[in-house]
Amino acid sequence: MNTTISSNGLPQLPLPTTTTENSAAQSSTANPSASSSTTQANDSVKLTDSARALQEASSANAPVDTQRVEQIRHQLAAGTYKVDPHAIANSLVSLEGQIGGSK
Protein backbone atom coordinates (compact mmCIF):
# COMPACT_ATOMS: atom_id res chain seq x y z
CA MET A 1 0.00 0.00 0.00
CA ASN A 2 1.35 3.42 -0.97
CA THR A 3 0.14 6.54 0.92
CA THR A 4 0.73 10.06 -0.42
CA ILE A 5 0.03 13.24 1.54
CA SER A 6 -1.22 16.06 -0.67
CA SER A 7 -0.36 19.73 -0.04
CA ASN A 8 -3.80 20.76 -1.36
CA GLY A 9 -2.15 23.28 -3.66
CA LEU A 10 -0.32 25.07 -0.82
CA PRO A 11 3.38 25.85 -1.21
CA GLN A 12 5.76 23.61 0.69
CA LEU A 13 7.61 25.42 3.46
CA PRO A 14 11.31 24.67 3.95
CA LEU A 15 12.25 22.66 7.01
CA PRO A 16 14.17 24.54 9.73
CA THR A 17 17.91 23.98 9.67
CA THR A 18 20.59 24.62 12.25
CA THR A 19 23.48 25.72 10.06
CA THR A 20 23.81 28.39 7.41
CA GLU A 21 25.34 25.88 5.05
CA ASN A 22 22.29 23.64 5.25
CA SER A 23 19.85 26.52 4.82
CA ALA A 24 21.68 27.79 1.74
CA ALA A 25 21.65 24.30 0.24
CA GLN A 26 17.99 23.85 1.11
CA SER A 27 16.92 27.20 -0.37
CA SER A 28 18.80 26.51 -3.58
CA THR A 29 17.15 23.09 -3.74
CA ALA A 30 13.69 24.54 -3.15
CA ASN A 31 14.20 27.37 -5.66
CA PRO A 32 17.32 26.99 -7.79
CA SER A 33 17.07 30.51 -9.24
CA ALA A 34 17.05 32.19 -5.80
CA SER A 35 20.16 32.96 -3.82
CA SER A 36 20.02 33.01 -0.02
CA SER A 37 22.50 35.89 0.28
CA THR A 38 20.91 38.30 -2.21
CA THR A 39 17.56 40.04 -2.42
CA GLN A 40 15.61 40.91 -5.51
CA ALA A 41 16.01 44.46 -6.77
CA ASN A 42 12.26 45.14 -6.75
CA ASP A 43 11.81 44.43 -3.01
CA SER A 44 10.94 47.56 -1.03
CA VAL A 45 9.54 48.68 2.30
CA LYS A 46 7.48 51.83 2.77
CA LEU A 47 6.99 53.20 6.27
CA THR A 48 4.06 55.38 7.21
CA ASP A 49 4.63 58.67 9.02
CA SER A 50 3.40 57.04 12.23
CA ALA A 51 5.87 54.19 11.85
CA ARG A 52 8.71 56.64 11.28
CA ALA A 53 7.72 58.64 14.36
CA LEU A 54 7.54 55.45 16.44
CA GLN A 55 10.94 54.37 15.14
CA GLU A 56 12.46 57.74 16.04
CA ALA A 57 10.85 57.73 19.49
CA SER A 58 12.15 54.24 20.26
CA SER A 59 15.70 54.94 19.09
CA ALA A 60 18.48 54.71 21.67
CA ASN A 61 19.63 58.28 21.08
CA ALA A 62 16.35 59.86 22.21
CA PRO A 63 17.06 62.64 24.73
CA VAL A 64 16.15 62.02 28.38
CA ASP A 65 15.47 64.88 30.75
CA THR A 66 17.44 63.48 33.69
CA GLN A 67 16.53 66.45 35.89
CA ARG A 68 12.81 65.75 35.37
CA VAL A 69 13.35 62.03 36.02
CA GLU A 70 15.10 62.79 39.32
CA GLN A 71 12.35 65.26 40.31
CA ILE A 72 9.66 62.62 39.73
CA ARG A 73 11.75 59.98 41.52
CA HIS A 74 11.99 62.20 44.62
CA GLN A 75 8.27 62.99 44.51
CA LEU A 76 7.42 59.29 44.28
CA ALA A 77 9.75 58.47 47.18
CA ALA A 78 8.22 61.26 49.29
CA GLY A 79 4.66 60.33 48.33
CA THR A 80 3.95 63.79 46.91
CA TYR A 81 3.66 62.90 43.21
CA LYS A 82 0.26 63.97 41.88
CA VAL A 83 -1.36 62.09 39.02
CA ASP A 84 -3.48 64.16 36.62
CA PRO A 85 -6.15 61.78 35.29
CA HIS A 86 -7.39 64.33 32.73
CA ALA A 87 -3.93 64.73 31.20
CA ILE A 88 -3.57 60.94 31.02
CA ALA A 89 -7.00 60.58 29.40
CA ASN A 90 -6.23 63.32 26.86
CA SER A 91 -2.93 61.69 25.97
CA LEU A 92 -4.60 58.29 25.53
CA VAL A 93 -7.30 59.78 23.28
CA SER A 94 -4.62 61.53 21.23
CA LEU A 95 -2.60 58.31 20.92
CA GLU A 96 -5.71 56.36 19.91
CA GLY A 97 -6.39 58.95 17.22
CA GLN A 98 -2.82 58.65 15.89
CA ILE A 99 -2.97 54.86 15.84
CA GLY A 100 -6.40 54.84 14.21
CA GLY A 101 -5.38 57.59 11.82
CA SER A 102 -8.25 59.88 12.74
CA LYS A 103 -6.45 62.88 14.28
C-alpha atoms as a PDB file:
ATOM      1  CA  MET A   1       0.000   0.000   0.000  1.00  0.00           C
ATOM      2  CA  ASN A   2       1.346   3.425  -0.974  1.00  0.00           C
ATOM      3  CA  THR A   3       0.142   6.545   0.917  1.00  0.00           C
ATOM      4  CA  THR A   4       0.728  10.061  -0.423  1.00  0.00           C
ATOM      5  CA  ILE A   5       0.026  13.235   1.540  1.00  0.00           C
ATOM      6  CA  SER A   6      -1.217  16.062  -0.667  1.00  0.00           C
ATOM      7  CA  SER A   7      -0.356  19.725  -0.045  1.00  0.00           C
ATOM      8  CA  ASN A   8      -3.795  20.762  -1.363  1.00  0.00           C
ATOM      9  CA  GLY A   9      -2.145  23.275  -3.663  1.00  0.00           C
ATOM     10  CA  LEU A  10      -0.319  25.068  -0.817  1.00  0.00           C
ATOM     11  CA  PRO A  11       3.376  25.855  -1.210  1.00  0.00           C
ATOM     12  CA  GLN A  12       5.756  23.606   0.689  1.00  0.00           C
ATOM     13  CA  LEU A  13       7.612  25.417   3.461  1.00  0.00           C
ATOM     14  CA  PRO A  14      11.307  24.671   3.947  1.00  0.00           C
ATOM     15  CA  LEU A  15      12.254  22.661   7.013  1.00  0.00           C
ATOM     16  CA  PRO A  16      14.168  24.541   9.725  1.00  0.00           C
ATOM     17  CA  THR A  17      17.909  23.978   9.673  1.00  0.00           C
ATOM     18  CA  THR A  18      20.592  24.623  12.252  1.00  0.00           C
ATOM     19  CA  THR A  19      23.484  25.719  10.058  1.00  0.00           C
ATOM     20  CA  THR A  20      23.811  28.390   7.406  1.00  0.00           C
ATOM     21  CA  GLU A  21      25.339  25.885   5.048  1.00  0.00           C
ATOM     22  CA  ASN A  22      22.288  23.636   5.246  1.00  0.00           C
ATOM     23  CA  SER A  23      19.848  26.525   4.815  1.00  0.00           C
ATOM     24  CA  ALA A  24      21.683  27.787   1.735  1.00  0.00           C
ATOM     25  CA  ALA A  25      21.654  24.304   0.239  1.00  0.00           C
ATOM     26  CA  GLN A  26      17.992  23.855   1.109  1.00  0.00           C
ATOM     27  CA  SER A  27      16.917  27.199  -0.373  1.00  0.00           C
ATOM     28  CA  SER A  28      18.803  26.515  -3.575  1.00  0.00           C
ATOM     29  CA  THR A  29      17.154  23.091  -3.744  1.00  0.00           C
ATOM     30  CA  ALA A  30      13.690  24.539  -3.154  1.00  0.00           C
ATOM     31  CA  ASN A  31      14.198  27.373  -5.659  1.00  0.00           C
ATOM     32  CA  PRO A  32      17.319  26.987  -7.785  1.00  0.00           C
ATOM     33  CA  SER A  33      17.073  30.514  -9.236  1.00  0.00           C
ATOM     34  CA  ALA A  34      17.049  32.193  -5.798  1.00  0.00           C
ATOM     35  CA  SER A  35      20.161  32.957  -3.816  1.00  0.00           C
ATOM     36  CA  SER A  36      20.020  33.009  -0.017  1.00  0.00           C
ATOM     37  CA  SER A  37      22.498  35.890   0.282  1.00  0.00           C
ATOM     38  CA  THR A  38      20.914  38.303  -2.209  1.00  0.00           C
ATOM     39  CA  THR A  39      17.555  40.043  -2.424  1.00  0.00           C
ATOM     40  CA  GLN A  40      15.613  40.910  -5.507  1.00  0.00           C
ATOM     41  CA  ALA A  41      16.011  44.465  -6.769  1.00  0.00           C
ATOM     42  CA  ASN A  42      12.264  45.141  -6.755  1.00  0.00           C
ATOM     43  CA  ASP A  43      11.809  44.434  -3.012  1.00  0.00           C
ATOM     44  CA  SER A  44      10.943  47.556  -1.030  1.00  0.00           C
ATOM     45  CA  VAL A  45       9.538  48.682   2.296  1.00  0.00           C
ATOM     46  CA  LYS A  46       7.477  51.831   2.765  1.00  0.00           C
ATOM     47  CA  LEU A  47       6.986  53.196   6.269  1.00  0.00           C
ATOM     48  CA  THR A  48       4.056  55.384   7.215  1.00  0.00           C
ATOM     49  CA  ASP A  49       4.627  58.669   9.018  1.00  0.00           C
ATOM     50  CA  SER A  50       3.398  57.039  12.234  1.00  0.00           C
ATOM     51  CA  ALA A  51       5.866  54.187  11.847  1.00  0.00           C
ATOM     52  CA  ARG A  52       8.712  56.640  11.278  1.00  0.00           C
ATOM     53  CA  ALA A  53       7.720  58.644  14.363  1.00  0.00           C
ATOM     54  CA  LEU A  54       7.541  55.454  16.435  1.00  0.00           C
ATOM     55  CA  GLN A  55      10.937  54.372  15.138  1.00  0.00           C
ATOM     56  CA  GLU A  56      12.464  57.742  16.041  1.00  0.00           C
ATOM     57  CA  ALA A  57      10.853  57.726  19.490  1.00  0.00           C
ATOM     58  CA  SER A  58      12.146  54.245  20.255  1.00  0.00           C
ATOM     59  CA  SER A  59      15.695  54.942  19.091  1.00  0.00           C
ATOM     60  CA  ALA A  60      18.478  54.706  21.665  1.00  0.00           C
ATOM     61  CA  ASN A  61      19.630  58.280  21.084  1.00  0.00           C
ATOM     62  CA  ALA A  62      16.346  59.857  22.215  1.00  0.00           C
ATOM     63  CA  PRO A  63      17.064  62.639  24.733  1.00  0.00           C
ATOM     64  CA  VAL A  64      16.149  62.018  28.375  1.00  0.00           C
ATOM     65  CA  ASP A  65      15.466  64.883  30.752  1.00  0.00           C
ATOM     66  CA  THR A  66      17.436  63.475  33.690  1.00  0.00           C
ATOM     67  CA  GLN A  67      16.532  66.446  35.892  1.00  0.00           C
ATOM     68  CA  ARG A  68      12.806  65.747  35.368  1.00  0.00           C
ATOM     69  CA  VAL A  69      13.352  62.030  36.022  1.00  0.00           C
ATOM     70  CA  GLU A  70      15.100  62.795  39.322  1.00  0.00           C
ATOM     71  CA  GLN A  71      12.355  65.255  40.306  1.00  0.00           C
ATOM     72  CA  ILE A  72       9.660  62.617  39.732  1.00  0.00           C
ATOM     73  CA  ARG A  73      11.749  59.980  41.518  1.00  0.00           C
ATOM     74  CA  HIS A  74      11.993  62.203  44.616  1.00  0.00           C
ATOM     75  CA  GLN A  75       8.266  62.993  44.514  1.00  0.00           C
ATOM     76  CA  LEU A  76       7.422  59.287  44.277  1.00  0.00           C
ATOM     77  CA  ALA A  77       9.746  58.471  47.182  1.00  0.00           C
ATOM     78  CA  ALA A  78       8.220  61.256  49.286  1.00  0.00           C
ATOM     79  CA  GLY A  79       4.657  60.328  48.328  1.00  0.00           C
ATOM     80  CA  THR A  80       3.953  63.790  46.908  1.00  0.00           C
ATOM     81  CA  TYR A  81       3.660  62.897  43.206  1.00  0.00           C
ATOM     82  CA  LYS A  82       0.256  63.974  41.875  1.00  0.00           C
ATOM     83  CA  VAL A  83      -1.365  62.091  39.021  1.00  0.00           C
ATOM     84  CA  ASP A  84      -3.479  64.164  36.621  1.00  0.00           C
ATOM     85  CA  PRO A  85      -6.154  61.775  35.293  1.00  0.00           C
ATOM     86  CA  HIS A  86      -7.394  64.327  32.733  1.00  0.00           C
ATOM     87  CA  ALA A  87      -3.930  64.727  31.201  1.00  0.00           C
ATOM     88  CA  ILE A  88      -3.566  60.937  31.015  1.00  0.00           C
ATOM     89  CA  ALA A  89      -6.996  60.578  29.399  1.00  0.00           C
ATOM     90  CA  ASN A  90      -6.232  63.320  26.862  1.00  0.00           C
ATOM     91  CA  SER A  91      -2.927  61.689  25.967  1.00  0.00           C
ATOM     92  CA  LEU A  92      -4.598  58.291  25.528  1.00  0.00           C
ATOM     93  CA  VAL A  93      -7.296  59.783  23.280  1.00  0.00           C
ATOM     94  CA  SER A  94      -4.622  61.529  21.226  1.00  0.00           C
ATOM     95  CA  LEU A  95      -2.602  58.315  20.922  1.00  0.00           C
ATOM     96  CA  GLU A  96      -5.710  56.362  19.909  1.00  0.00           C
ATOM     97  CA  GLY A  97      -6.389  58.954  17.216  1.00  0.00           C
ATOM     98  CA  GLN A  98      -2.820  58.646  15.890  1.00  0.00           C
ATOM     99  CA  ILE A  99      -2.974  54.859  15.843  1.00  0.00           C
ATOM    100  CA  GLY A 100      -6.402  54.837  14.214  1.00  0.00           C
ATOM    101  CA  GLY A 101      -5.377  57.593  11.816  1.00  0.00           C
ATOM    102  CA  SER A 102      -8.250  59.878  12.744  1.00  0.00           C
ATOM    103  CA  LYS A 103      -6.453  62.877  14.283  1.00  0.00           C
END
